[in-house]
Amino acid sequence: MPAAEGTRRPAALSGERRFPPRRGRARRRLLGVDIWTHQSVEYITVAGEAWLASASEYPRSMRALWEARPWAPSVLPCGRAFDVISMPSLFGRRVLDELWASGPGCGPVAAYRGRTLLFVQPGSAPRLRRLLAWEEWARDVPPLLCHGKGDAVTVPPLQRMVHGPDSSGRGTGRWIIAPEEREPRLPGASVVLWACVRAAREPGQGVPAEPVLVTGG
């Protein structure tokens, strides 16, 4: 059966890129608006897929599920391959800008139901919670959801239809920076903390109130 218009079938798991390379595109667009409004099929590599699958206790079963249903979101546990910091969407944008402007950048990032999901080093979630509770100036940072060991999060599909739903509060979410590497560069708790503090203290930038939506766990 031919693929529907605006979609692309998954490639065989051959060790090659599942889609055309996009390295560097996320960096160039991160400080602009295009990455937040771009409507296209996401570019997740086979290596990135393997990294995501490694979060599961049964990675082969997870990859088989994705092969059969590449357009469906998945629930993955935290604490093994990554932790996840969930932020209000607008604040999350400023945090990502800080990570790239001041270094060292970041790894995969997703948007889901009005939240920005930043993938961080395993073990970073509980440490960041402690740092935010201890540091007096962290009062400027809006409430964050720190998902670590024992929690699970919903991650966007490996592929997304052109013009697929990803608006706040509905849809399957989307990748802002899709997984590309078997060992992505994931920021640690202290790096995320300083990026949050700088974003919260940015002159003339108030943090709008947003509902807290739990994505998993």
Protein backbone atom coordinates (compact mmCIF):
# COMPACT_ATOMS: atom_id res chain seq x y z
CA MET A 1 0.00 0.00 0.00
CA PRO A 2 1.50 3.38 -0.95
CA ALA A 3 2.31 5.78 1.86
CA ALA A 4 -0.19 8.56 2.50
CA GLU A 5 0.65 11.96 1.10
CA GLY A 6 2.93 13.91 3.39
CA THR A 7 4.25 10.83 5.17
CA ARG A 8 7.32 8.66 4.81
CA ARG A 9 7.68 5.00 5.61
CA PRO A 10 10.37 3.94 8.10
CA ALA A 11 13.60 2.68 6.57
CA ALA A 12 15.06 -0.70 7.36
CA LEU A 13 17.14 -0.84 10.53
CA SER A 14 20.40 -0.95 8.63
CA GLY A 15 22.62 1.29 10.71
CA GLU A 16 22.21 4.15 8.26
CA ARG A 17 20.36 7.38 8.82
CA ARG A 18 16.61 6.90 8.75
CA PHE A 19 16.21 10.35 7.16
CA PRO A 20 18.47 12.86 5.39
CA PRO A 21 21.09 14.37 7.73
CA ARG A 22 20.15 17.51 9.62
CA ARG A 23 23.21 18.06 11.82
CA GLY A 24 23.67 21.74 12.55
CA ARG A 25 20.14 22.70 11.51
CA ALA A 26 18.82 22.63 15.07
CA ARG A 27 21.61 24.93 16.24
CA ARG A 28 21.06 27.41 13.46
CA ARG A 29 17.34 27.61 14.09
CA LEU A 30 17.23 27.28 17.84
CA LEU A 31 17.60 31.01 18.52
CA GLY A 32 14.90 31.87 15.97
CA VAL A 33 11.22 31.09 15.66
CA ASP A 34 11.44 28.64 12.78
CA ILE A 35 12.25 25.62 14.94
CA TRP A 36 9.13 26.27 17.01
CA THR A 37 6.73 26.53 14.08
CA HIS A 38 8.34 24.22 11.51
CA GLN A 39 5.85 21.67 10.19
CA SER A 40 7.56 18.63 8.67
CA VAL A 41 8.47 15.01 9.17
CA GLU A 42 10.92 14.70 12.05
CA TYR A 43 14.45 13.50 11.31
CA ILE A 44 15.36 10.79 13.81
CA THR A 45 18.38 8.68 12.91
CA VAL A 46 18.70 4.97 13.52
CA ALA A 47 21.38 5.76 16.11
CA GLY A 48 18.98 8.13 17.85
CA GLU A 49 16.28 5.49 17.80
CA ALA A 50 18.67 2.99 19.38
CA TRP A 51 19.43 5.47 22.16
CA LEU A 52 15.74 6.02 22.87
CA ALA A 53 15.10 2.29 22.88
CA SER A 54 17.93 1.74 25.38
CA ALA A 55 15.79 3.49 27.99
CA SER A 56 13.40 0.55 27.90
CA GLU A 57 13.95 -2.70 29.75
CA TYR A 58 13.16 -4.42 26.45
CA PRO A 59 14.79 -2.31 23.70
CA ARG A 60 14.22 -4.87 20.92
CA SER A 61 10.51 -5.01 21.65
CA MET A 62 10.36 -1.22 21.73
CA ARG A 63 12.03 -0.93 18.32
CA ALA A 64 9.69 -3.57 16.90
CA LEU A 65 6.74 -1.53 18.19
CA TRP A 66 8.11 1.61 16.55
CA GLU A 67 8.64 -0.23 13.29
CA ALA A 68 4.97 -1.20 13.31
CA ARG A 69 3.65 2.12 14.62
CA PRO A 70 6.12 4.92 13.79
CA TRP A 71 3.43 7.61 14.17
CA ALA A 72 2.44 6.68 17.75
CA PRO A 73 3.90 8.30 20.91
CA SER A 74 5.59 6.05 23.45
CA VAL A 75 6.02 5.94 27.21
CA LEU A 76 9.61 5.39 28.32
CA PRO A 77 11.09 5.09 31.82
CA CYS A 78 13.59 7.63 33.10
CA GLY A 79 16.76 6.90 35.02
CA ARG A 80 18.49 4.49 32.64
CA ALA A 81 19.39 6.37 29.45
CA PHE A 82 18.16 9.81 30.51
CA ASP A 83 16.19 11.91 32.97
CA VAL A 84 13.73 14.55 31.77
CA ILE A 85 13.12 18.09 32.98
CA SER A 86 9.65 19.34 32.04
CA MET A 87 9.23 23.13 31.86
CA PRO A 88 6.48 25.58 30.90
CA SER A 89 6.75 26.00 27.16
CA LEU A 90 7.75 29.68 26.95
CA PHE A 91 10.24 29.40 29.80
CA GLY A 92 11.66 26.28 28.19
CA ARG A 93 12.41 28.24 25.04
CA ARG A 94 14.47 30.75 26.99
CA VAL A 95 16.32 27.97 28.81
CA LEU A 96 17.27 26.35 25.49
CA ASP A 97 18.44 29.70 24.16
CA GLU A 98 20.65 30.06 27.25
CA LEU A 99 22.06 26.55 26.87
CA TRP A 100 23.12 27.28 23.30
CA ALA A 101 24.18 30.90 23.81
CA SER A 102 26.32 30.21 26.89
CA GLY A 103 27.19 26.57 26.20
CA PRO A 104 27.46 23.65 26.15
CA GLY A 105 24.21 23.22 24.17
CA CYS A 106 21.97 20.24 24.76
CA GLY A 107 20.77 16.92 23.39
CA PRO A 108 17.24 15.90 22.44
CA VAL A 109 14.34 18.20 23.32
CA ALA A 110 10.62 17.58 22.81
CA ALA A 111 7.38 19.53 23.09
CA TYR A 112 4.36 17.83 24.61
CA ARG A 113 1.04 19.30 25.77
CA GLY A 114 2.31 22.79 26.38
CA ARG A 115 5.55 21.67 28.04
CA THR A 116 9.17 21.63 26.92
CA LEU A 117 10.87 18.32 27.74
CA LEU A 118 14.64 18.61 28.12
CA PHE A 119 16.50 15.27 28.15
CA VAL A 120 19.34 15.36 30.68
CA GLN A 121 21.93 13.01 32.17
CA PRO A 122 20.57 10.10 34.24
CA GLY A 123 20.49 11.09 37.90
CA SER A 124 20.14 14.81 37.13
CA ALA A 125 16.45 15.05 38.06
CA PRO A 126 16.78 14.38 41.82
CA ARG A 127 19.92 16.52 41.99
CA LEU A 128 18.22 19.44 40.27
CA ARG A 129 15.28 19.17 42.67
CA ARG A 130 17.72 19.45 45.59
CA LEU A 131 19.56 22.38 44.04
CA LEU A 132 16.34 24.28 43.37
CA ALA A 133 15.21 23.72 46.95
CA TRP A 134 18.56 24.79 48.41
CA GLU A 135 19.55 27.81 46.35
CA GLU A 136 17.80 31.00 47.45
CA TRP A 137 17.91 32.59 44.00
CA ALA A 138 16.12 29.59 42.49
CA ARG A 139 12.87 31.14 43.74
CA ASP A 140 12.80 33.04 40.44
CA VAL A 141 12.55 29.79 38.49
CA PRO A 142 9.00 28.59 37.76
CA PRO A 143 7.99 25.13 39.03
CA LEU A 144 9.74 22.39 37.08
CA LEU A 145 8.84 18.71 36.85
CA CYS A 146 11.99 16.64 37.33
CA HIS A 147 11.46 13.06 36.12
CA GLY A 148 14.07 10.55 37.24
CA LYS A 149 14.32 6.90 38.23
CA GLY A 150 10.88 5.49 38.94
CA ASP A 151 9.16 7.99 36.62
CA ALA A 152 8.13 7.66 32.99
CA VAL A 153 7.48 10.22 30.28
CA THR A 154 5.60 10.29 27.00
CA VAL A 155 7.92 10.90 24.07
CA PRO A 156 6.79 12.00 20.59
CA PRO A 157 6.59 9.55 17.68
CA LEU A 158 9.68 8.67 15.71
CA GLN A 159 7.96 10.15 12.68
CA ARG A 160 5.31 12.83 12.40
CA MET A 161 3.00 13.62 9.53
CA VAL A 162 3.41 16.93 7.76
CA HIS A 163 1.08 19.42 9.45
CA GLY A 164 0.35 16.85 12.15
CA PRO A 165 -1.30 18.16 15.36
CA ASP A 166 1.14 19.46 17.92
CA SER A 167 -0.69 22.40 19.43
CA SER A 168 -0.70 23.02 23.16
CA GLY A 169 -2.87 20.64 25.11
CA ARG A 170 -3.45 18.11 22.34
CA GLY A 171 -1.77 15.97 19.74
CA THR A 172 1.16 13.58 20.10
CA GLY A 173 3.85 16.18 20.66
CA ARG A 174 6.91 16.71 18.47
CA TRP A 175 10.67 16.74 18.60
CA ILE A 176 12.28 20.16 18.78
CA ILE A 177 15.76 18.61 18.61
CA ALA A 178 15.37 14.99 17.54
CA PRO A 179 17.70 12.22 18.76
CA GLU A 180 20.58 11.75 16.33
CA GLU A 181 23.35 9.96 18.22
CA ARG A 182 23.82 6.73 20.14
CA GLU A 183 25.43 8.76 22.94
CA PRO A 184 23.93 12.27 22.78
CA ARG A 185 25.35 15.19 24.70
CA LEU A 186 23.07 15.49 27.71
CA PRO A 187 23.43 18.43 30.13
CA GLY A 188 23.82 17.79 33.84
CA ALA A 189 21.90 19.28 36.76
CA SER A 190 24.25 22.21 37.42
CA VAL A 191 24.28 23.27 33.75
CA VAL A 192 20.48 23.19 33.61
CA LEU A 193 20.22 25.05 36.91
CA TRP A 194 22.33 28.00 35.72
CA ALA A 195 20.49 28.13 32.40
CA CYS A 196 17.19 28.28 34.30
CA VAL A 197 18.43 31.02 36.59
CA ARG A 198 19.72 33.11 33.69
CA ALA A 199 16.46 32.60 31.78
CA ALA A 200 14.41 33.60 34.83
CA ARG A 201 16.50 36.72 35.40
CA GLU A 202 16.48 37.85 31.79
CA PRO A 203 15.55 41.56 31.84
CA GLY A 204 11.97 42.30 30.93
CA GLN A 205 11.03 38.64 30.74
CA GLY A 206 8.29 37.69 33.13
CA VAL A 207 7.43 34.02 33.37
CA PRO A 208 3.78 33.53 32.40
CA ALA A 209 1.66 31.28 34.52
CA GLU A 210 0.96 27.96 32.82
CA PRO A 211 -0.89 24.89 34.04
CA VAL A 212 1.29 22.05 35.25
CA LEU A 213 0.63 18.97 33.14
CA VAL A 214 2.24 15.71 34.19
CA THR A 215 3.55 13.82 31.17
CA GLY A 216 4.28 10.60 32.91
CA GLY A 217 5.29 8.99 36.17
